[in-house]
Amino acid sequence: MKDLNHLREEIDRVNNGLIELFIERMKISEEIGEYKRQKGMKIYDKKREDEIIAEVIEGREEKYKEYISEFLKELMKMSKEIQEGNRVNNEK
């Protein structure tokens, strides 16, 4: 068994990677929001969200599926907010 400090270092490394990917995803979401505004499209697409969740959890370990679904729903909620221009603190 690995010691606690080593496990915490692994978690820290994974967290940093997740944050980088999260920021990348949010920047793409901003671009999607701009595209949708220019084309007069709705921000929210329930069918698309349901498809993404189903696709991502397919084949995953059963014990993680509910967590993955909750994680994705929260991630999509934040993506919708940034697409709508909410909660964005623009630097001047």
N, C-alpha and C. Protein backbone atom coordinates (compact mmCIF):
# COMPACT_ATOMS: atom_id res chain seq x y z
N MET A 1 0.84 -1.18 0.00
CA MET A 1 0.00 0.00 0.00
C MET A 1 0.89 1.24 0.00
N LYS A 2 0.47 2.23 -0.79
CA LYS A 2 1.22 3.49 -0.86
C LYS A 2 0.97 4.29 0.41
N ASP A 3 1.94 5.13 0.76
CA ASP A 3 1.73 5.95 1.95
C ASP A 3 0.85 7.16 1.62
N LEU A 4 0.31 7.77 2.65
CA LEU A 4 -0.65 8.86 2.49
C LEU A 4 -0.06 10.04 1.74
N ASN A 5 1.17 10.41 2.02
CA ASN A 5 1.79 11.54 1.33
C ASN A 5 1.89 11.29 -0.17
N HIS A 6 2.25 10.08 -0.53
CA HIS A 6 2.34 9.74 -1.95
C HIS A 6 0.96 9.81 -2.61
N LEU A 7 -0.04 9.29 -1.94
CA LEU A 7 -1.41 9.34 -2.48
C LEU A 7 -1.88 10.78 -2.63
N ARG A 8 -1.56 11.63 -1.67
CA ARG A 8 -1.95 13.04 -1.76
C ARG A 8 -1.23 13.74 -2.91
N GLU A 9 0.02 13.39 -3.13
CA GLU A 9 0.75 13.95 -4.27
C GLU A 9 0.09 13.53 -5.59
N GLU A 10 -0.37 12.30 -5.65
CA GLU A 10 -1.07 11.83 -6.85
C GLU A 10 -2.36 12.61 -7.06
N ILE A 11 -3.11 12.82 -5.98
CA ILE A 11 -4.35 13.61 -6.06
C ILE A 11 -4.05 15.03 -6.52
N ASP A 12 -3.01 15.64 -5.98
CA ASP A 12 -2.62 17.00 -6.38
C ASP A 12 -2.30 17.06 -7.87
N ARG A 13 -1.58 16.07 -8.36
CA ARG A 13 -1.22 16.02 -9.79
C ARG A 13 -2.49 15.89 -10.64
N VAL A 14 -3.38 15.01 -10.24
CA VAL A 14 -4.63 14.82 -10.98
C VAL A 14 -5.47 16.10 -10.93
N ASN A 15 -5.56 16.74 -9.76
CA ASN A 15 -6.31 17.99 -9.64
C ASN A 15 -5.79 19.05 -10.59
N ASN A 16 -4.48 19.20 -10.66
CA ASN A 16 -3.90 20.19 -11.57
C ASN A 16 -4.25 19.89 -13.02
N GLY A 17 -4.20 18.63 -13.40
CA GLY A 17 -4.59 18.24 -14.75
C GLY A 17 -6.06 18.51 -15.03
N LEU A 18 -6.90 18.20 -14.05
CA LEU A 18 -8.33 18.46 -14.20
C LEU A 18 -8.61 19.94 -14.39
N ILE A 19 -7.93 20.78 -13.62
CA ILE A 19 -8.16 22.22 -13.71
C ILE A 19 -7.76 22.74 -15.08
N GLU A 20 -6.63 22.28 -15.60
CA GLU A 20 -6.21 22.70 -16.94
C GLU A 20 -7.25 22.29 -17.98
N LEU A 21 -7.75 21.07 -17.90
CA LEU A 21 -8.78 20.60 -18.83
C LEU A 21 -10.09 21.36 -18.63
N PHE A 22 -10.43 21.68 -17.38
CA PHE A 22 -11.64 22.44 -17.09
C PHE A 22 -11.57 23.81 -17.75
N ILE A 23 -10.44 24.49 -17.59
CA ILE A 23 -10.29 25.83 -18.19
C ILE A 23 -10.39 25.74 -19.71
N GLU A 24 -9.76 24.74 -20.29
CA GLU A 24 -9.85 24.55 -21.74
C GLU A 24 -11.30 24.33 -22.17
N ARG A 25 -12.03 23.52 -21.40
CA ARG A 25 -13.43 23.25 -21.72
C ARG A 25 -14.27 24.51 -21.61
N MET A 26 -14.03 25.31 -20.58
CA MET A 26 -14.81 26.53 -20.39
C MET A 26 -14.54 27.54 -21.51
N LYS A 27 -13.30 27.62 -21.98
CA LYS A 27 -12.99 28.52 -23.10
C LYS A 27 -13.72 28.07 -24.36
N ILE A 28 -13.77 26.78 -24.59
CA ILE A 28 -14.51 26.25 -25.74
C ILE A 28 -16.00 26.54 -25.56
N SER A 29 -16.51 26.41 -24.34
CA SER A 29 -17.92 26.71 -24.07
C SER A 29 -18.24 28.17 -24.37
N GLU A 30 -17.31 29.07 -24.04
CA GLU A 30 -17.52 30.49 -24.38
C GLU A 30 -17.66 30.66 -25.89
N GLU A 31 -16.81 29.98 -26.65
CA GLU A 31 -16.88 30.07 -28.10
C GLU A 31 -18.20 29.50 -28.62
N ILE A 32 -18.64 28.40 -28.03
CA ILE A 32 -19.92 27.81 -28.42
C ILE A 32 -21.05 28.79 -28.13
N GLY A 33 -21.00 29.43 -26.97
CA GLY A 33 -22.02 30.41 -26.62
C GLY A 33 -22.07 31.56 -27.62
N GLU A 34 -20.91 32.05 -28.02
CA GLU A 34 -20.85 33.13 -29.01
C GLU A 34 -21.43 32.66 -30.34
N TYR A 35 -21.08 31.46 -30.76
CA TYR A 35 -21.61 30.90 -31.99
C TYR A 35 -23.13 30.82 -31.93
N LYS A 36 -23.64 30.27 -30.82
CA LYS A 36 -25.09 30.11 -30.68
C LYS A 36 -25.80 31.46 -30.68
N ARG A 37 -25.21 32.46 -30.03
CA ARG A 37 -25.82 33.80 -30.04
C ARG A 37 -25.87 34.37 -31.46
N GLN A 38 -24.78 34.22 -32.19
CA GLN A 38 -24.73 34.74 -33.56
C GLN A 38 -25.73 34.05 -34.47
N LYS A 39 -25.99 32.78 -34.22
CA LYS A 39 -26.91 32.00 -35.05
C LYS A 39 -28.34 31.99 -34.51
N GLY A 40 -28.56 32.66 -33.36
CA GLY A 40 -29.89 32.69 -32.78
C GLY A 40 -30.34 31.36 -32.20
N MET A 41 -29.39 30.56 -31.76
CA MET A 41 -29.70 29.24 -31.22
C MET A 41 -29.90 29.30 -29.71
N LYS A 42 -30.65 28.32 -29.19
CA LYS A 42 -30.82 28.20 -27.74
C LYS A 42 -29.52 27.68 -27.13
N ILE A 43 -29.24 28.14 -25.91
CA ILE A 43 -28.05 27.67 -25.20
C ILE A 43 -28.27 26.24 -24.71
N TYR A 44 -29.44 25.98 -24.14
CA TYR A 44 -29.71 24.69 -23.51
C TYR A 44 -30.24 23.68 -24.51
N ASP A 45 -29.63 22.51 -24.55
CA ASP A 45 -30.05 21.42 -25.43
C ASP A 45 -30.07 20.13 -24.60
N LYS A 46 -31.22 19.85 -23.98
CA LYS A 46 -31.33 18.68 -23.10
C LYS A 46 -30.98 17.38 -23.80
N LYS A 47 -31.43 17.23 -25.03
CA LYS A 47 -31.15 16.00 -25.77
C LYS A 47 -29.64 15.79 -25.89
N ARG A 48 -28.92 16.84 -26.23
CA ARG A 48 -27.45 16.75 -26.36
C ARG A 48 -26.82 16.37 -25.02
N GLU A 49 -27.27 17.00 -23.94
CA GLU A 49 -26.71 16.69 -22.62
C GLU A 49 -26.97 15.24 -22.24
N ASP A 50 -28.18 14.77 -22.46
CA ASP A 50 -28.50 13.37 -22.15
C ASP A 50 -27.64 12.40 -22.96
N GLU A 51 -27.43 12.73 -24.24
CA GLU A 51 -26.59 11.89 -25.10
C GLU A 51 -25.15 11.85 -24.59
N ILE A 52 -24.63 12.99 -24.19
CA ILE A 52 -23.25 13.06 -23.70
C ILE A 52 -23.10 12.20 -22.45
N ILE A 53 -24.02 12.36 -21.51
CA ILE A 53 -23.93 11.59 -20.26
C ILE A 53 -24.01 10.10 -20.55
N ALA A 54 -24.96 9.69 -21.37
CA ALA A 54 -25.11 8.27 -21.69
C ALA A 54 -23.85 7.72 -22.36
N GLU A 55 -23.29 8.49 -23.28
CA GLU A 55 -22.09 8.06 -24.00
C GLU A 55 -20.89 7.94 -23.07
N VAL A 56 -20.72 8.91 -22.18
CA VAL A 56 -19.55 8.92 -21.31
C VAL A 56 -19.62 7.81 -20.26
N ILE A 57 -20.80 7.55 -19.71
CA ILE A 57 -20.86 6.53 -18.64
C ILE A 57 -20.90 5.10 -19.18
N GLU A 58 -21.17 4.96 -20.48
CA GLU A 58 -21.21 3.62 -21.06
C GLU A 58 -19.85 2.94 -20.91
N GLY A 59 -19.87 1.74 -20.38
CA GLY A 59 -18.66 0.95 -20.24
C GLY A 59 -17.81 1.29 -19.02
N ARG A 60 -18.25 2.25 -18.22
CA ARG A 60 -17.50 2.62 -17.01
C ARG A 60 -17.88 1.68 -15.87
N GLU A 61 -17.04 1.64 -14.87
CA GLU A 61 -17.34 0.81 -13.70
C GLU A 61 -18.65 1.28 -13.07
N GLU A 62 -19.49 0.32 -12.76
CA GLU A 62 -20.84 0.62 -12.23
C GLU A 62 -20.79 1.54 -11.01
N LYS A 63 -19.85 1.31 -10.11
CA LYS A 63 -19.82 2.10 -8.88
C LYS A 63 -19.50 3.57 -9.11
N TYR A 64 -19.01 3.93 -10.31
CA TYR A 64 -18.67 5.32 -10.59
C TYR A 64 -19.71 6.03 -11.46
N LYS A 65 -20.64 5.29 -12.05
CA LYS A 65 -21.55 5.87 -13.03
C LYS A 65 -22.37 7.04 -12.46
N GLU A 66 -22.91 6.89 -11.27
CA GLU A 66 -23.71 7.97 -10.69
C GLU A 66 -22.85 9.20 -10.44
N TYR A 67 -21.62 8.98 -9.96
CA TYR A 67 -20.71 10.10 -9.72
C TYR A 67 -20.35 10.82 -11.02
N ILE A 68 -20.11 10.04 -12.06
CA ILE A 68 -19.78 10.62 -13.36
C ILE A 68 -20.94 11.44 -13.87
N SER A 69 -22.15 10.90 -13.75
CA SER A 69 -23.34 11.62 -14.19
C SER A 69 -23.50 12.94 -13.45
N GLU A 70 -23.34 12.92 -12.14
CA GLU A 70 -23.45 14.14 -11.34
C GLU A 70 -22.36 15.14 -11.71
N PHE A 71 -21.15 14.66 -11.90
CA PHE A 71 -20.02 15.51 -12.29
C PHE A 71 -20.31 16.20 -13.62
N LEU A 72 -20.77 15.42 -14.60
CA LEU A 72 -21.06 15.99 -15.91
C LEU A 72 -22.20 16.99 -15.86
N LYS A 73 -23.23 16.70 -15.08
CA LYS A 73 -24.35 17.64 -14.98
C LYS A 73 -23.89 18.98 -14.41
N GLU A 74 -23.04 18.94 -13.39
CA GLU A 74 -22.53 20.18 -12.80
C GLU A 74 -21.62 20.90 -13.79
N LEU A 75 -20.81 20.16 -14.50
CA LEU A 75 -19.92 20.74 -15.50
C LEU A 75 -20.73 21.41 -16.61
N MET A 76 -21.78 20.75 -17.05
CA MET A 76 -22.64 21.32 -18.10
C MET A 76 -23.39 22.54 -17.59
N LYS A 77 -23.78 22.54 -16.33
CA LYS A 77 -24.44 23.71 -15.74
C LYS A 77 -23.50 24.92 -15.81
N MET A 78 -22.25 24.72 -15.44
CA MET A 78 -21.28 25.81 -15.50
C MET A 78 -21.02 26.23 -16.94
N SER A 79 -20.99 25.28 -17.85
CA SER A 79 -20.78 25.59 -19.26
C SER A 79 -21.93 26.44 -19.80
N LYS A 80 -23.16 26.10 -19.41
CA LYS A 80 -24.32 26.90 -19.84
C LYS A 80 -24.22 28.31 -19.30
N GLU A 81 -23.80 28.44 -18.04
CA GLU A 81 -23.66 29.77 -17.44
C GLU A 81 -22.65 30.61 -18.20
N ILE A 82 -21.54 30.03 -18.55
CA ILE A 82 -20.52 30.81 -19.26
C ILE A 82 -20.96 31.09 -20.69
N GLN A 83 -21.72 30.17 -21.30
CA GLN A 83 -22.26 30.42 -22.64
C GLN A 83 -23.25 31.59 -22.62
N GLU A 84 -24.00 31.68 -21.53
CA GLU A 84 -24.97 32.77 -21.39
C GLU A 84 -24.32 34.07 -20.95
N GLY A 85 -23.04 34.00 -20.58
CA GLY A 85 -22.33 35.19 -20.13
C GLY A 85 -22.53 35.47 -18.65
N ASN A 86 -23.03 34.50 -17.91
CA ASN A 86 -23.26 34.66 -16.47
C ASN A 86 -22.02 34.29 -15.69
N ARG A 87 -21.87 34.91 -14.52
CA ARG A 87 -20.79 34.59 -13.58
C ARG A 87 -19.40 34.77 -14.16
N VAL A 88 -19.27 35.56 -15.19
CA VAL A 88 -17.96 35.81 -15.77
C VAL A 88 -17.47 37.15 -15.26
N ASN A 89 -16.30 37.13 -14.67
CA ASN A 89 -15.70 38.34 -14.13
C ASN A 89 -14.62 38.80 -15.09
N ASN A 90 -15.00 39.67 -16.03
CA ASN A 90 -14.05 40.11 -17.05
C ASN A 90 -12.99 41.01 -16.46
N GLU A 91 -11.74 40.74 -16.83
CA GLU A 91 -10.64 41.58 -16.38
C GLU A 91 -10.55 42.79 -17.29
N LYS A 92 -10.19 43.92 -16.69
CA LYS A 92 -10.06 45.15 -17.49
C LYS A 92 -8.63 45.58 -17.56
